[in-house]
PDB file of N, CA and C in Angstrom:
ATOM      1  N   MET A   1     -68.540 -87.443 -25.977  1.00  0.00           N
ATOM      2  CA  MET A   1     -69.842 -87.561 -26.622  1.00  0.00           C
ATOM      3  C   MET A   1     -69.598 -87.695 -28.122  1.00  0.00           C
ATOM      4  N   ASP A   2     -70.190 -88.733 -28.719  1.00  0.00           N
ATOM      5  CA  ASP A   2     -69.980 -88.949 -30.137  1.00  0.00           C
ATOM      6  C   ASP A   2     -70.964 -88.108 -30.957  1.00  0.00           C
ATOM      7  N   ALA A   3     -70.734 -88.053 -32.253  1.00  0.00           N
ATOM      8  CA  ALA A   3     -71.541 -87.217 -33.145  1.00  0.00           C
ATOM      9  C   ALA A   3     -73.001 -87.642 -33.152  1.00  0.00           C
ATOM     10  N   ASN A   4     -73.278 -88.931 -33.084  1.00  0.00           N
ATOM     11  CA  ASN A   4     -74.653 -89.427 -33.082  1.00  0.00           C
ATOM     12  C   ASN A   4     -75.406 -88.933 -31.843  1.00  0.00           C
ATOM     13  N   ALA A   5     -74.770 -89.030 -30.694  1.00  0.00           N
ATOM     14  CA  ALA A   5     -75.403 -88.562 -29.456  1.00  0.00           C
ATOM     15  C   ALA A   5     -75.608 -87.059 -29.500  1.00  0.00           C
ATOM     16  N   LEU A   6     -74.644 -86.338 -30.052  1.00  0.00           N
ATOM     17  CA  LEU A   6     -74.754 -84.880 -30.156  1.00  0.00           C
ATOM     18  C   LEU A   6     -75.917 -84.486 -31.062  1.00  0.00           C
ATOM     19  N   ASN A   7     -76.125 -85.228 -32.128  1.00  0.00           N
ATOM     20  CA  ASN A   7     -77.219 -84.932 -33.058  1.00  0.00           C
ATOM     21  C   ASN A   7     -78.592 -85.179 -32.440  1.00  0.00           C
ATOM     22  N   GLN A   8     -78.670 -86.019 -31.421  1.00  0.00           N
ATOM     23  CA  GLN A   8     -79.942 -86.313 -30.784  1.00  0.00           C
ATOM     24  C   GLN A   8     -80.339 -85.276 -29.735  1.00  0.00           C
ATOM     25  N   LEU A   9     -79.437 -84.345 -29.433  1.00  0.00           N
ATOM     26  CA  LEU A   9     -79.727 -83.304 -28.446  1.00  0.00           C
ATOM     27  C   LEU A   9     -80.519 -82.179 -29.074  1.00  0.00           C
ATOM     28  N   THR A  10     -81.257 -81.473 -28.237  1.00  0.00           N
ATOM     29  CA  THR A  10     -81.954 -80.273 -28.716  1.00  0.00           C
ATOM     30  C   THR A  10     -80.902 -79.197 -28.973  1.00  0.00           C
ATOM     31  N   PRO A  11     -81.238 -78.171 -29.738  1.00  0.00           N
ATOM     32  CA  PRO A  11     -80.269 -77.087 -29.973  1.00  0.00           C
ATOM     33  C   PRO A  11     -79.771 -76.452 -28.667  1.00  0.00           C
ATOM     34  N   GLU A  12     -80.658 -76.322 -27.701  1.00  0.00           N
ATOM     35  CA  GLU A  12     -80.261 -75.736 -26.417  1.00  0.00           C
ATOM     36  C   GLU A  12     -79.267 -76.646 -25.695  1.00  0.00           C
ATOM     37  N   GLN A  13     -79.529 -77.939 -25.725  1.00  0.00           N
ATOM     38  CA  GLN A  13     -78.624 -78.884 -25.081  1.00  0.00           C
ATOM     39  C   GLN A  13     -77.274 -78.907 -25.792  1.00  0.00           C
ATOM     40  N   ARG A  14     -77.297 -78.853 -27.115  1.00  0.00           N
ATOM     41  CA  ARG A  14     -76.053 -78.813 -27.890  1.00  0.00           C
ATOM     42  C   ARG A  14     -75.229 -77.578 -27.522  1.00  0.00           C
ATOM     43  N   GLN A  15     -75.927 -76.453 -27.403  1.00  0.00           N
ATOM     44  CA  GLN A  15     -75.240 -75.209 -27.047  1.00  0.00           C
ATOM     45  C   GLN A  15     -74.616 -75.325 -25.650  1.00  0.00           C
ATOM     46  N   GLN A  16     -75.328 -75.945 -24.714  1.00  0.00           N
ATOM     47  CA  GLN A  16     -74.792 -76.128 -23.368  1.00  0.00           C
ATOM     48  C   GLN A  16     -73.554 -77.020 -23.381  1.00  0.00           C
ATOM     49  N   VAL A  17     -73.613 -78.089 -24.166  1.00  0.00           N
ATOM     50  CA  VAL A  17     -72.468 -78.986 -24.279  1.00  0.00           C
ATOM     51  C   VAL A  17     -71.277 -78.240 -24.872  1.00  0.00           C
ATOM     52  N   MET A  18     -71.508 -77.464 -25.905  1.00  0.00           N
ATOM     53  CA  MET A  18     -70.428 -76.716 -26.540  1.00  0.00           C
ATOM     54  C   MET A  18     -69.852 -75.660 -25.593  1.00  0.00           C
ATOM     55  N   MET A  19     -70.715 -74.985 -24.846  1.00  0.00           N
ATOM     56  CA  MET A  19     -70.236 -73.989 -23.888  1.00  0.00           C
ATOM     57  C   MET A  19     -69.387 -74.647 -22.801  1.00  0.00           C
ATOM     58  N   LYS A  20     -69.822 -75.801 -22.324  1.00  0.00           N
ATOM     59  CA  LYS A  20     -69.076 -76.525 -21.295  1.00  0.00           C
ATOM     60  C   LYS A  20     -67.707 -76.932 -21.838  1.00  0.00           C
ATOM     61  N   ALA A  21     -67.672 -77.426 -23.057  1.00  0.00           N
ATOM     62  CA  ALA A  21     -66.406 -77.819 -23.673  1.00  0.00           C
ATOM     63  C   ALA A  21     -65.486 -76.608 -23.841  1.00  0.00           C
ATOM     64  N   GLN A  22     -66.050 -75.474 -24.228  1.00  0.00           N
ATOM     65  CA  GLN A  22     -65.265 -74.246 -24.399  1.00  0.00           C
ATOM     66  C   GLN A  22     -64.707 -73.786 -23.056  1.00  0.00           C
ATOM     67  N   GLN A  23     -65.516 -73.851 -22.006  1.00  0.00           N
ATOM     68  CA  GLN A  23     -65.062 -73.452 -20.681  1.00  0.00           C
ATOM     69  C   GLN A  23     -63.924 -74.352 -20.200  1.00  0.00           C
ATOM     70  N   GLU A  24     -64.054 -75.641 -20.434  1.00  0.00           N
ATOM     71  CA  GLU A  24     -62.999 -76.580 -20.034  1.00  0.00           C
ATOM     72  C   GLU A  24     -61.711 -76.314 -20.812  1.00  0.00           C
ATOM     73  N   ALA A  25     -61.833 -76.032 -22.098  1.00  0.00           N
ATOM     74  CA  ALA A  25     -60.655 -75.717 -22.909  1.00  0.00           C
ATOM     75  C   ALA A  25     -59.997 -74.436 -22.407  1.00  0.00           C
ATOM     76  N   ASN A  26     -60.803 -73.434 -22.095  1.00  0.00           N
ATOM     77  CA  ASN A  26     -60.271 -72.175 -21.582  1.00  0.00           C
ATOM     78  C   ASN A  26     -59.567 -72.380 -20.246  1.00  0.00           C
ATOM     79  N   GLN A  27     -60.137 -73.217 -19.406  1.00  0.00           N
ATOM     80  CA  GLN A  27     -59.544 -73.503 -18.105  1.00  0.00           C
ATOM     81  C   GLN A  27     -58.182 -74.191 -18.287  1.00  0.00           C
ATOM     82  N   GLN A  28     -58.097 -75.088 -19.251  1.00  0.00           N
ATOM     83  CA  GLN A  28     -56.825 -75.759 -19.525  1.00  0.00           C
ATOM     84  C   GLN A  28     -55.783 -74.760 -20.027  1.00  0.00           C
ATOM     85  N   ILE A  29     -56.206 -73.815 -20.849  1.00  0.00           N
ATOM     86  CA  ILE A  29     -55.291 -72.786 -21.341  1.00  0.00           C
ATOM     87  C   ILE A  29     -54.735 -71.979 -20.166  1.00  0.00           C
ATOM     88  N   MET A  30     -55.618 -71.570 -19.261  1.00  0.00           N
ATOM     89  CA  MET A  30     -55.188 -70.772 -18.122  1.00  0.00           C
ATOM     90  C   MET A  30     -54.275 -71.580 -17.194  1.00  0.00           C
ATOM     91  N   GLN A  31     -54.582 -72.853 -16.976  1.00  0.00           N
ATOM     92  CA  GLN A  31     -53.741 -73.708 -16.138  1.00  0.00           C
ATOM     93  C   GLN A  31     -52.364 -73.870 -16.770  1.00  0.00           C
ATOM     94  N   GLY A  32     -52.331 -74.052 -18.063  1.00  0.00           N
ATOM     95  CA  GLY A  32     -51.046 -74.163 -18.768  1.00  0.00           C
ATOM     96  C   GLY A  32     -50.215 -72.902 -18.638  1.00  0.00           C
ATOM     97  N   MET A  33     -50.876 -71.753 -18.714  1.00  0.00           N
ATOM     98  CA  MET A  33     -50.153 -70.491 -18.555  1.00  0.00           C
ATOM     99  C   MET A  33     -49.565 -70.366 -17.149  1.00  0.00           C
ATOM    100  N   LEU A  34     -50.321 -70.778 -16.145  1.00  0.00           N
ATOM    101  CA  LEU A  34     -49.842 -70.715 -14.771  1.00  0.00           C
ATOM    102  C   LEU A  34     -48.623 -71.622 -14.588  1.00  0.00           C
ATOM    103  N   GLU A  35     -48.700 -72.840 -15.095  1.00  0.00           N
ATOM    104  CA  GLU A  35     -47.579 -73.765 -14.990  1.00  0.00           C
ATOM    105  C   GLU A  35     -46.350 -73.223 -15.716  1.00  0.00           C
ATOM    106  N   LYS A  36     -46.568 -72.629 -16.877  1.00  0.00           N
ATOM    107  CA  LYS A  36     -45.468 -72.040 -17.649  1.00  0.00           C
ATOM    108  C   LYS A  36     -44.848 -70.874 -16.887  1.00  0.00           C
ATOM    109  N   MET A  37     -45.686 -70.049 -16.240  1.00  0.00           N
ATOM    110  CA  MET A  37     -45.182 -68.916 -15.467  1.00  0.00           C
ATOM    111  C   MET A  37     -44.282 -69.403 -14.342  1.00  0.00           C
ATOM    112  N   ILE A  38     -44.748 -70.385 -13.601  1.00  0.00           N
ATOM    113  CA  ILE A  38     -43.972 -70.894 -12.473  1.00  0.00           C
ATOM    114  C   ILE A  38     -42.616 -71.408 -12.958  1.00  0.00           C
ATOM    115  N   SER A  39     -42.641 -72.222 -13.991  1.00  0.00           N
ATOM    116  CA  SER A  39     -41.408 -72.806 -14.509  1.00  0.00           C
ATOM    117  C   SER A  39     -40.474 -71.735 -15.069  1.00  0.00           C
ATOM    118  N   THR A  40     -41.002 -70.864 -15.904  1.00  0.00           N
ATOM    119  CA  THR A  40     -40.173 -69.846 -16.545  1.00  0.00           C
ATOM    120  C   THR A  40     -39.578 -68.885 -15.534  1.00  0.00           C
ATOM    121  N   CYS A  41     -40.408 -68.365 -14.647  1.00  0.00           N
ATOM    122  CA  CYS A  41     -39.914 -67.387 -13.674  1.00  0.00           C
ATOM    123  C   CYS A  41     -38.907 -68.017 -12.719  1.00  0.00           C
ATOM    124  N   PHE A  42     -39.177 -69.227 -12.285  1.00  0.00           N
ATOM    125  CA  PHE A  42     -38.247 -69.895 -11.377  1.00  0.00           C
ATOM    126  C   PHE A  42     -36.904 -70.106 -12.062  1.00  0.00           C
ATOM    127  N   ASN A  43     -36.937 -70.627 -13.278  1.00  0.00           N
ATOM    128  CA  ASN A  43     -35.680 -70.887 -13.998  1.00  0.00           C
ATOM    129  C   ASN A  43     -34.936 -69.606 -14.334  1.00  0.00           C
ATOM    130  N   LYS A  44     -35.670 -68.552 -14.624  1.00  0.00           N
ATOM    131  CA  LYS A  44     -35.049 -67.277 -14.996  1.00  0.00           C
ATOM    132  C   LYS A  44     -34.445 -66.574 -13.790  1.00  0.00           C
ATOM    133  N   CYS A  45     -35.116 -66.655 -12.656  1.00  0.00           N
ATOM    134  CA  CYS A  45     -34.773 -65.776 -11.536  1.00  0.00           C
ATOM    135  C   CYS A  45     -33.973 -66.418 -10.411  1.00  0.00           C
ATOM    136  N   THR A  46     -34.050 -67.706 -10.262  1.00  0.00           N
ATOM    137  CA  THR A  46     -33.356 -68.307  -9.129  1.00  0.00           C
ATOM    138  C   THR A  46     -31.965 -68.747  -9.531  1.00  0.00           C
ATOM    139  N   GLY A  47     -31.093 -68.667  -8.558  1.00  0.00           N
ATOM    140  CA  GLY A  47     -29.703 -69.029  -8.822  1.00  0.00           C
ATOM    141  C   GLY A  47     -29.212 -70.028  -7.815  1.00  0.00           C
ATOM    142  N   THR A  48     -28.069 -69.735  -7.295  1.00  0.00           N
ATOM    143  CA  THR A  48     -27.423 -70.667  -6.368  1.00  0.00           C
ATOM    144  C   THR A  48     -27.329 -70.057  -4.976  1.00  0.00           C
ATOM    145  N   SER A  49     -28.337 -69.334  -4.567  1.00  0.00           N
ATOM    146  CA  SER A  49     -28.282 -68.658  -3.266  1.00  0.00           C
ATOM    147  C   SER A  49     -28.612 -69.594  -2.110  1.00  0.00           C
ATOM    148  N   GLY A  50     -28.764 -70.848  -2.382  1.00  0.00           N
ATOM    149  CA  GLY A  50     -29.052 -71.804  -1.321  1.00  0.00           C
ATOM    150  C   GLY A  50     -30.529 -72.076  -1.186  1.00  0.00           C
ATOM    151  N   ASP A  51     -30.954 -72.254   0.055  1.00  0.00           N
ATOM    152  CA  ASP A  51     -32.340 -72.638   0.296  1.00  0.00           C
ATOM    153  C   ASP A  51     -33.277 -71.447   0.477  1.00  0.00           C
ATOM    154  N   ARG A  52     -32.757 -70.241   0.304  1.00  0.00           N
ATOM    155  CA  ARG A  52     -33.588 -69.027   0.419  1.00  0.00           C
ATOM    156  C   ARG A  52     -33.325 -68.120  -0.770  1.00  0.00           C
ATOM    157  N   LEU A  53     -34.334 -67.348  -1.124  1.00  0.00           N
ATOM    158  CA  LEU A  53     -34.185 -66.390  -2.214  1.00  0.00           C
ATOM    159  C   LEU A  53     -33.566 -65.106  -1.677  1.00  0.00           C
ATOM    160  N   ASP A  54     -32.586 -64.587  -2.403  1.00  0.00           N
ATOM    161  CA  ASP A  54     -32.040 -63.287  -2.001  1.00  0.00           C
ATOM    162  C   ASP A  54     -32.926 -62.175  -2.556  1.00  0.00           C
ATOM    163  N   ASN A  55     -32.616 -60.940  -2.239  1.00  0.00           N
ATOM    164  CA  ASN A  55     -33.455 -59.796  -2.641  1.00  0.00           C
ATOM    165  C   ASN A  55     -33.569 -59.678  -4.158  1.00  0.00           C
ATOM    166  N   ARG A  56     -32.467 -59.916  -4.861  1.00  0.00           N
ATOM    167  CA  ARG A  56     -32.502 -59.820  -6.328  1.00  0.00           C
ATOM    168  C   ARG A  56     -33.441 -60.876  -6.900  1.00  0.00           C
ATOM    169  N   GLU A  57     -33.349 -62.089  -6.406  1.00  0.00           N
ATOM    170  CA  GLU A  57     -34.207 -63.173  -6.891  1.00  0.00           C
ATOM    171  C   GLU A  57     -35.678 -62.894  -6.571  1.00  0.00           C
ATOM    172  N   GLN A  58     -35.939 -62.392  -5.390  1.00  0.00           N
ATOM    173  CA  GLN A  58     -37.320 -62.060  -5.014  1.00  0.00           C
ATOM    174  C   GLN A  58     -37.895 -60.984  -5.930  1.00  0.00           C
ATOM    175  N   GLY A  59     -37.094 -59.950  -6.203  1.00  0.00           N
ATOM    176  CA  GLY A  59     -37.544 -58.880  -7.104  1.00  0.00           C
ATOM    177  C   GLY A  59     -37.780 -59.389  -8.518  1.00  0.00           C
ATOM    178  N   CYS A  60     -36.868 -60.225  -8.988  1.00  0.00           N
ATOM    179  CA  CYS A  60     -36.994 -60.808 -10.328  1.00  0.00           C
ATOM    180  C   CYS A  60     -38.265 -61.645 -10.428  1.00  0.00           C
ATOM    181  N   LEU A  61     -38.508 -62.492  -9.424  1.00  0.00           N
ATOM    182  CA  LEU A  61     -39.713 -63.325  -9.428  1.00  0.00           C
ATOM    183  C   LEU A  61     -40.972 -62.468  -9.427  1.00  0.00           C
ATOM    184  N   ALA A  62     -40.990 -61.425  -8.622  1.00  0.00           N
ATOM    185  CA  ALA A  62     -42.164 -60.548  -8.546  1.00  0.00           C
ATOM    186  C   ALA A  62     -42.432 -59.886  -9.893  1.00  0.00           C
ATOM    187  N   GLN A  63     -41.381 -59.366 -10.535  1.00  0.00           N
ATOM    188  CA  GLN A  63     -41.567 -58.712 -11.837  1.00  0.00           C
ATOM    189  C   GLN A  63     -41.990 -59.713 -12.907  1.00  0.00           C
ATOM    190  N   CYS A  64     -41.392 -60.875 -12.893  1.00  0.00           N
ATOM    191  CA  CYS A  64     -41.728 -61.913 -13.871  1.00  0.00           C
ATOM    192  C   CYS A  64     -43.190 -62.330 -13.715  1.00  0.00           C
ATOM    193  N   GLN A  65     -43.609 -62.560 -12.485  1.00  0.00           N
ATOM    194  CA  GLN A  65     -44.995 -62.954 -12.230  1.00  0.00           C
ATOM    195  C   GLN A  65     -45.956 -61.840 -12.628  1.00  0.00           C
ATOM    196  N   ASP A  66     -45.591 -60.602 -12.362  1.00  0.00           N
ATOM    197  CA  ASP A  66     -46.446 -59.473 -12.749  1.00  0.00           C
ATOM    198  C   ASP A  66     -46.660 -59.435 -14.256  1.00  0.00           C
ATOM    199  N   ARG A  67     -45.582 -59.656 -15.012  1.00  0.00           N
ATOM    200  CA  ARG A  67     -45.711 -59.668 -16.479  1.00  0.00           C
ATOM    201  C   ARG A  67     -46.635 -60.798 -16.924  1.00  0.00           C
ATOM    202  N   TYR A  68     -46.454 -61.977 -16.365  1.00  0.00           N
ATOM    203  CA  TYR A  68     -47.312 -63.105 -16.720  1.00  0.00           C
ATOM    204  C   TYR A  68     -48.763 -62.837 -16.330  1.00  0.00           C
ATOM    205  N   LEU A  69     -48.973 -62.243 -15.162  1.00  0.00           N
ATOM    206  CA  LEU A  69     -50.344 -61.977 -14.721  1.00  0.00           C
ATOM    207  C   LEU A  69     -51.015 -60.934 -15.611  1.00  0.00           C
ATOM    208  N   ASP A  70     -50.238 -59.947 -16.090  1.00  0.00           N
ATOM    209  CA  ASP A  70     -50.795 -58.974 -17.040  1.00  0.00           C
ATOM    210  C   ASP A  70     -51.237 -59.678 -18.322  1.00  0.00           C
ATOM    211  N   VAL A  71     -50.396 -60.555 -18.823  1.00  0.00           N
ATOM    212  CA  VAL A  71     -50.733 -61.308 -20.039  1.00  0.00           C
ATOM    213  C   VAL A  71     -51.914 -62.232 -19.760  1.00  0.00           C
ATOM    214  N   ARG A  72     -51.912 -62.865 -18.593  1.00  0.00           N
ATOM    215  CA  ARG A  72     -53.015 -63.765 -18.221  1.00  0.00           C
ATOM    216  C   ARG A  72     -54.340 -63.019 -18.240  1.00  0.00           C
ATOM    217  N   GLN A  73     -54.342 -61.797 -17.723  1.00  0.00           N
ATOM    218  CA  GLN A  73     -55.567 -60.999 -17.706  1.00  0.00           C
ATOM    219  C   GLN A  73     -56.056 -60.728 -19.131  1.00  0.00           C
ATOM    220  N   GLN A  74     -55.124 -60.389 -20.017  1.00  0.00           N
ATOM    221  CA  GLN A  74     -55.500 -60.135 -21.406  1.00  0.00           C
ATOM    222  C   GLN A  74     -56.034 -61.397 -22.071  1.00  0.00           C
ATOM    223  N   VAL A  75     -55.404 -62.524 -21.806  1.00  0.00           N
ATOM    224  CA  VAL A  75     -55.868 -63.790 -22.374  1.00  0.00           C
ATOM    225  C   VAL A  75     -57.243 -64.140 -21.822  1.00  0.00           C
ATOM    226  N   GLN A  76     -57.418 -63.952 -20.521  1.00  0.00           N
ATOM    227  CA  GLN A  76     -58.702 -64.266 -19.903  1.00  0.00           C
ATOM    228  C   GLN A  76     -59.821 -63.416 -20.508  1.00  0.00           C
ATOM    229  N   GLU A  77     -59.549 -62.143 -20.721  1.00  0.00           N
ATOM    230  CA  GLU A  77     -60.550 -61.277 -21.343  1.00  0.00           C
ATOM    231  C   GLU A  77     -60.876 -61.737 -22.759  1.00  0.00           C
ATOM    232  N   ALA A  78     -59.844 -62.143 -23.506  1.00  0.00           N
ATOM    233  CA  ALA A  78     -60.071 -62.635 -24.863  1.00  0.00           C
ATOM    234  C   ALA A  78     -60.882 -63.928 -24.855  1.00  0.00           C
ATOM    235  N   LEU A  79     -60.592 -64.822 -23.906  1.00  0.00           N
ATOM    236  CA  LEU A  79     -61.340 -66.074 -23.813  1.00  0.00           C
ATOM    237  C   LEU A  79     -62.793 -65.819 -23.422  1.00  0.00           C
ATOM    238  N   GLN A  80     -63.012 -64.880 -22.518  1.00  0.00           N
ATOM    239  CA  GLN A  80     -64.385 -64.546 -22.125  1.00  0.00           C
ATOM    240  C   GLN A  80     -65.143 -63.942 -23.300  1.00  0.00           C
ATOM    241  N   LYS A  81     -64.458 -63.134 -24.084  1.00  0.00           N
ATOM    242  CA  LYS A  81     -65.099 -62.565 -25.273  1.00  0.00           C
ATOM    243  C   LYS A  81     -65.457 -63.690 -26.249  1.00  0.00           C
ATOM    244  N   ARG A  82     -64.537 -64.626 -26.405  1.00  0.00           N
ATOM    245  CA  ARG A  82     -64.781 -65.754 -27.314  1.00  0.00           C
ATOM    246  C   ARG A  82     -65.978 -66.573 -26.812  1.00  0.00           C
ATOM    247  N   GLU A  83     -66.062 -66.791 -25.494  1.00  0.00           N
ATOM    248  CA  GLU A  83     -67.212 -67.517 -24.937  1.00  0.00           C
ATOM    249  C   GLU A  83     -68.493 -66.730 -25.204  1.00  0.00           C
ATOM    250  N   GLY A  84     -68.439 -65.415 -25.027  1.00  0.00           N
ATOM    251  CA  GLY A  84     -69.617 -64.579 -25.261  1.00  0.00           C
ATOM    252  C   GLY A  84     -70.048 -64.589 -26.712  1.00  0.00           C
ATOM    253  N   ASP A  85     -69.070 -64.621 -27.611  1.00  0.00           N
ATOM    254  CA  ASP A  85     -69.391 -64.667 -29.035  1.00  0.00           C
ATOM    255  C   ASP A  85     -70.020 -65.987 -29.432  1.00  0.00           C
ATOM    256  N   ALA A  86     -69.687 -67.051 -28.677  1.00  0.00           N
ATOM    257  CA  ALA A  86     -70.224 -68.373 -28.993  1.00  0.00           C
ATOM    258  C   ALA A  86     -71.686 -68.501 -28.594  1.00  0.00           C
ATOM    259  N   VAL A  87     -72.115 -67.646 -27.685  1.00  0.00           N
ATOM    260  CA  VAL A  87     -73.499 -67.755 -27.189  1.00  0.00           C
ATOM    261  C   VAL A  87     -74.478 -67.193 -28.138  1.00  0.00           C
TER     262      VAL A  87
END
């Protein structure tokens, strides 16, 4: 949406457009974090055990994912607060 079209919207419509854009940006942030978690944890924890994960690799992956999920929760709360502040 260009600036001219945005200026023709009512304040309520503008706010809805901005909220939608913020939600999409937040969703992209969360998706990026998930992709980063998968890549980082896999590269950190897997070795040359063949086509199956051994107990050490499974434990490492679980702990790595837990750390990322804890951070994800904090980021999600911050993004929700940011969305709430925008309203």
